[in-house]
C-alpha atoms as a PDB file:
ATOM      1  CA  UNK A   1      51.698-341.061-117.542  1.00  0.00           C
ATOM      2  CA  UNK A   2      50.893-338.574-120.227  1.00  0.00           C
ATOM      3  CA  UNK A   3      54.014-336.518-119.775  1.00  0.00           C
ATOM      4  CA  UNK A   4      57.396-337.708-121.309  1.00  0.00           C
ATOM      5  CA  UNK A   5      58.626-340.675-119.406  1.00  0.00           C
ATOM      6  CA  UNK A   6      62.166-342.144-119.159  1.00  0.00           C
ATOM      7  CA  UNK A   7      62.213-345.720-117.807  1.00  0.00           C
ATOM      8  CA  UNK A   8      65.256-347.137-115.864  1.00  0.00           C
ATOM      9  CA  UNK A   9      65.247-350.714-114.913  1.00  0.00           C
ATOM     10  CA  UNK A  10      67.700-352.448-112.559  1.00  0.00           C
ATOM     11  CA  UNK A  11      68.655-356.173-112.566  1.00  0.00           C
ATOM     12  CA  UNK A  12      66.672-358.749-110.644  1.00  0.00           C
ATOM     13  CA  UNK A  13      69.121-358.991-107.737  1.00  0.00           C
ATOM     14  CA  UNK A  14      70.571-355.552-107.251  1.00  0.00           C
ATOM     15  CA  UNK A  15      68.003-352.962-108.693  1.00  0.00           C
ATOM     16  CA  UNK A  16      69.189-349.667-109.612  1.00  0.00           C
ATOM     17  CA  UNK A  17      72.508-348.069-108.628  1.00  0.00           C
ATOM     18  CA  UNK A  18      72.243-345.708-105.716  1.00  0.00           C
ATOM     19  CA  UNK A  19      73.196-342.689-107.860  1.00  0.00           C
ATOM     20  CA  UNK A  20      70.582-343.461-110.463  1.00  0.00           C
ATOM     21  CA  UNK A  21      67.956-344.167-107.851  1.00  0.00           C
ATOM     22  CA  UNK A  22      68.635-340.772-106.042  1.00  0.00           C
ATOM     23  CA  UNK A  23      68.492-338.993-109.435  1.00  0.00           C
ATOM     24  CA  UNK A  24      64.981-340.307-110.214  1.00  0.00           C
ATOM     25  CA  UNK A  25      61.987-338.203-109.701  1.00  0.00           C
ATOM     26  CA  UNK A  26      59.693-341.153-109.174  1.00  0.00           C
ATOM     27  CA  UNK A  27      59.911-344.801-108.465  1.00  0.00           C
ATOM     28  CA  UNK A  28      57.297-347.383-108.905  1.00  0.00           C
ATOM     29  CA  UNK A  29      56.816-350.948-107.781  1.00  0.00           C
ATOM     30  CA  UNK A  30      54.843-353.701-109.461  1.00  0.00           C
ATOM     31  CA  UNK A  31      52.460-355.241-106.852  1.00  0.00           C
ATOM     32  CA  UNK A  32      52.264-359.090-106.821  1.00  0.00           C
ATOM     33  CA  UNK A  33      49.822-361.408-105.531  1.00  0.00           C
ATOM     34  CA  UNK A  34      50.860-363.521-102.514  1.00  0.00           C
ATOM     35  CA  UNK A  35      53.054-366.080-104.427  1.00  0.00           C
ATOM     36  CA  UNK A  36      56.313-367.865-103.894  1.00  0.00           C
ATOM     37  CA  UNK A  37      57.864-365.769-106.619  1.00  0.00           C
ATOM     38  CA  UNK A  38      60.225-363.071-105.289  1.00  0.00           C
ATOM     39  CA  UNK A  39      60.321-360.805-108.342  1.00  0.00           C
ATOM     40  CA  UNK A  40      59.616-360.464-111.968  1.00  0.00           C
ATOM     41  CA  UNK A  41      62.584-360.706-114.388  1.00  0.00           C
ATOM     42  CA  UNK A  42      63.547-357.462-116.056  1.00  0.00           C
ATOM     43  CA  UNK A  43      61.846-358.271-119.414  1.00  0.00           C
ATOM     44  CA  UNK A  44      58.586-359.099-117.721  1.00  0.00           C
ATOM     45  CA  UNK A  45      58.807-355.854-115.569  1.00  0.00           C
ATOM     46  CA  UNK A  46      59.318-353.850-118.731  1.00  0.00           C
ATOM     47  CA  UNK A  47      56.407-355.482-120.625  1.00  0.00           C
ATOM     48  CA  UNK A  48      54.104-354.704-117.518  1.00  0.00           C
ATOM     49  CA  UNK A  49      55.234-351.077-117.304  1.00  0.00           C
ATOM     50  CA  UNK A  50      55.167-350.364-121.054  1.00  0.00           C
ATOM     51  CA  UNK A  51      51.626-352.052-121.382  1.00  0.00           C
ATOM     52  CA  UNK A  52      50.403-349.755-118.387  1.00  0.00           C
ATOM     53  CA  UNK A  53      51.952-346.732-119.995  1.00  0.00           C
ATOM     54  CA  UNK A  54      50.216-347.414-123.332  1.00  0.00           C
ATOM     55  CA  UNK A  55      46.998-348.369-121.597  1.00  0.00           C
ATOM     56  CA  UNK A  56      46.888-344.956-119.809  1.00  0.00           C
ATOM     57  CA  UNK A  57      47.747-342.955-122.883  1.00  0.00           C
ATOM     58  CA  UNK A  58      45.170-344.537-124.973  1.00  0.00           C
ATOM     59  CA  UNK A  59      42.390-344.079-122.454  1.00  0.00           C
END
């Protein structure tokens, strides 16, 4: 992720709108261990993505 990035996050239940999803050039998914948790809340997902983006930029 060394190029400029624009993040778009959908809500926990519905995700992104179809228009925004189809306009995106890349989509990511955060892998989760085998747990009873269905999804991360948006704040946690943002934190994970920004942490990884900064980790890659600093390496």
